[in-house]
């Protein structure tokens, strides 16, 4: 239990970075999607993948946040 605060900080930083990157990627792709009347199959797949990555990153961030809160950090 000696390094709990340090480990929590590292995990929070990592998951926050992953979340922000996934969010930015999705926002960029959604902007591209809005600018196109008929999106290509590739763009549609990229948006779907980015959405899944965003949700995964959000769940992971929330999980680490709750665990950190539970440990009192």
C-alpha atoms as a PDB file:
ATOM      1  CA  UNK A   1       0.000   0.000   0.000  1.00  0.00           C
ATOM      2  CA  UNK A   2       3.081   2.165  -0.045  1.00  0.00           C
ATOM      3  CA  UNK A   3       2.680   3.398  -3.620  1.00  0.00           C
ATOM      4  CA  UNK A   4      -1.112   3.539  -3.995  1.00  0.00           C
ATOM      5  CA  UNK A   5      -1.242   7.321  -4.514  1.00  0.00           C
ATOM      6  CA  UNK A   6       1.513   7.175  -7.120  1.00  0.00           C
ATOM      7  CA  UNK A   7      -0.098   4.280  -8.989  1.00  0.00           C
ATOM      8  CA  UNK A   8      -3.515   5.953  -8.914  1.00  0.00           C
ATOM      9  CA  UNK A   9      -2.025   9.162 -10.326  1.00  0.00           C
ATOM     10  CA  UNK A  10      -0.279   7.269 -13.124  1.00  0.00           C
ATOM     11  CA  UNK A  11      -3.435   5.356 -14.047  1.00  0.00           C
ATOM     12  CA  UNK A  12      -5.586   8.499 -13.941  1.00  0.00           C
ATOM     13  CA  UNK A  13      -3.155  10.371 -16.186  1.00  0.00           C
ATOM     14  CA  UNK A  14      -2.971   7.488 -18.647  1.00  0.00           C
ATOM     15  CA  UNK A  15      -6.711   6.902 -18.847  1.00  0.00           C
ATOM     16  CA  UNK A  16      -7.439  10.627 -19.055  1.00  0.00           C
ATOM     17  CA  UNK A  17      -5.000  10.961 -21.955  1.00  0.00           C
ATOM     18  CA  UNK A  18      -6.558   7.956 -23.709  1.00  0.00           C
ATOM     19  CA  UNK A  19     -10.056   9.367 -23.167  1.00  0.00           C
ATOM     20  CA  UNK A  20      -9.139  12.818 -24.502  1.00  0.00           C
ATOM     21  CA  UNK A  21      -7.418  11.331 -27.553  1.00  0.00           C
ATOM     22  CA  UNK A  22     -10.457   9.125 -28.316  1.00  0.00           C
ATOM     23  CA  UNK A  23     -12.790  12.098 -27.876  1.00  0.00           C
ATOM     24  CA  UNK A  24     -10.725  14.312 -30.173  1.00  0.00           C
ATOM     25  CA  UNK A  25     -10.511  11.602 -32.826  1.00  0.00           C
ATOM     26  CA  UNK A  26     -14.269  11.091 -32.755  1.00  0.00           C
ATOM     27  CA  UNK A  27     -14.945  14.833 -32.931  1.00  0.00           C
ATOM     28  CA  UNK A  28     -12.623  15.163 -35.929  1.00  0.00           C
ATOM     29  CA  UNK A  29     -14.289  12.289 -37.760  1.00  0.00           C
ATOM     30  CA  UNK A  30     -17.774  13.583 -36.937  1.00  0.00           C
ATOM     31  CA  UNK A  31     -16.745  16.937 -38.422  1.00  0.00           C
ATOM     32  CA  UNK A  32     -15.635  15.176 -41.586  1.00  0.00           C
ATOM     33  CA  UNK A  33     -18.893  13.225 -41.642  1.00  0.00           C
ATOM     34  CA  UNK A  34     -20.951  16.431 -41.339  1.00  0.00           C
ATOM     35  CA  UNK A  35     -19.157  17.943 -44.329  1.00  0.00           C
ATOM     36  CA  UNK A  36     -20.077  15.080 -46.662  1.00  0.00           C
ATOM     37  CA  UNK A  37     -23.464  14.396 -48.254  1.00  0.00           C
ATOM     38  CA  UNK A  38     -22.787  10.706 -48.841  1.00  0.00           C
ATOM     39  CA  UNK A  39     -20.041   9.339 -46.585  1.00  0.00           C
ATOM     40  CA  UNK A  40     -17.750   6.655 -47.903  1.00  0.00           C
ATOM     41  CA  UNK A  41     -17.781   3.187 -46.432  1.00  0.00           C
ATOM     42  CA  UNK A  42     -14.286   3.792 -45.056  1.00  0.00           C
ATOM     43  CA  UNK A  43     -15.338   7.000 -43.258  1.00  0.00           C
ATOM     44  CA  UNK A  44     -18.396   5.284 -41.808  1.00  0.00           C
ATOM     45  CA  UNK A  45     -16.223   2.446 -40.486  1.00  0.00           C
ATOM     46  CA  UNK A  46     -13.746   4.935 -39.017  1.00  0.00           C
ATOM     47  CA  UNK A  47     -16.573   6.737 -37.201  1.00  0.00           C
ATOM     48  CA  UNK A  48     -17.917   3.433 -35.851  1.00  0.00           C
ATOM     49  CA  UNK A  49     -14.458   2.400 -34.637  1.00  0.00           C
ATOM     50  CA  UNK A  50     -13.826   5.822 -33.109  1.00  0.00           C
ATOM     51  CA  UNK A  51     -17.181   5.685 -31.305  1.00  0.00           C
ATOM     52  CA  UNK A  52     -16.355   2.278 -29.836  1.00  0.00           C
ATOM     53  CA  UNK A  53     -12.899   3.492 -28.780  1.00  0.00           C
ATOM     54  CA  UNK A  54     -14.453   6.572 -27.187  1.00  0.00           C
ATOM     55  CA  UNK A  55     -16.949   4.511 -25.197  1.00  0.00           C
ATOM     56  CA  UNK A  56     -14.247   2.063 -24.130  1.00  0.00           C
ATOM     57  CA  UNK A  57     -11.983   4.914 -22.994  1.00  0.00           C
ATOM     58  CA  UNK A  58     -14.839   6.577 -21.117  1.00  0.00           C
ATOM     59  CA  UNK A  59     -15.682   3.358 -19.277  1.00  0.00           C
ATOM     60  CA  UNK A  60     -12.045   2.793 -18.394  1.00  0.00           C
ATOM     61  CA  UNK A  61     -11.659   6.373 -17.162  1.00  0.00           C
ATOM     62  CA  UNK A  62     -14.763   6.065 -15.019  1.00  0.00           C
ATOM     63  CA  UNK A  63     -13.569   2.750 -13.600  1.00  0.00           C
ATOM     64  CA  UNK A  64     -10.188   4.166 -12.601  1.00  0.00           C
ATOM     65  CA  UNK A  65     -11.848   7.284 -11.152  1.00  0.00           C
ATOM     66  CA  UNK A  66     -14.158   5.201  -8.948  1.00  0.00           C
ATOM     67  CA  UNK A  67     -11.342   2.928  -7.824  1.00  0.00           C
ATOM     68  CA  UNK A  68      -9.184   5.938  -6.994  1.00  0.00           C
ATOM     69  CA  UNK A  69     -12.060   7.523  -5.069  1.00  0.00           C
ATOM     70  CA  UNK A  70     -12.697   4.242  -3.240  1.00  0.00           C
ATOM     71  CA  UNK A  71      -9.032   4.092  -2.186  1.00  0.00           C
ATOM     72  CA  UNK A  72      -9.267   7.653  -0.908  1.00  0.00           C
ATOM     73  CA  UNK A  73      -6.742   9.153  -3.286  1.00  0.00           C
END
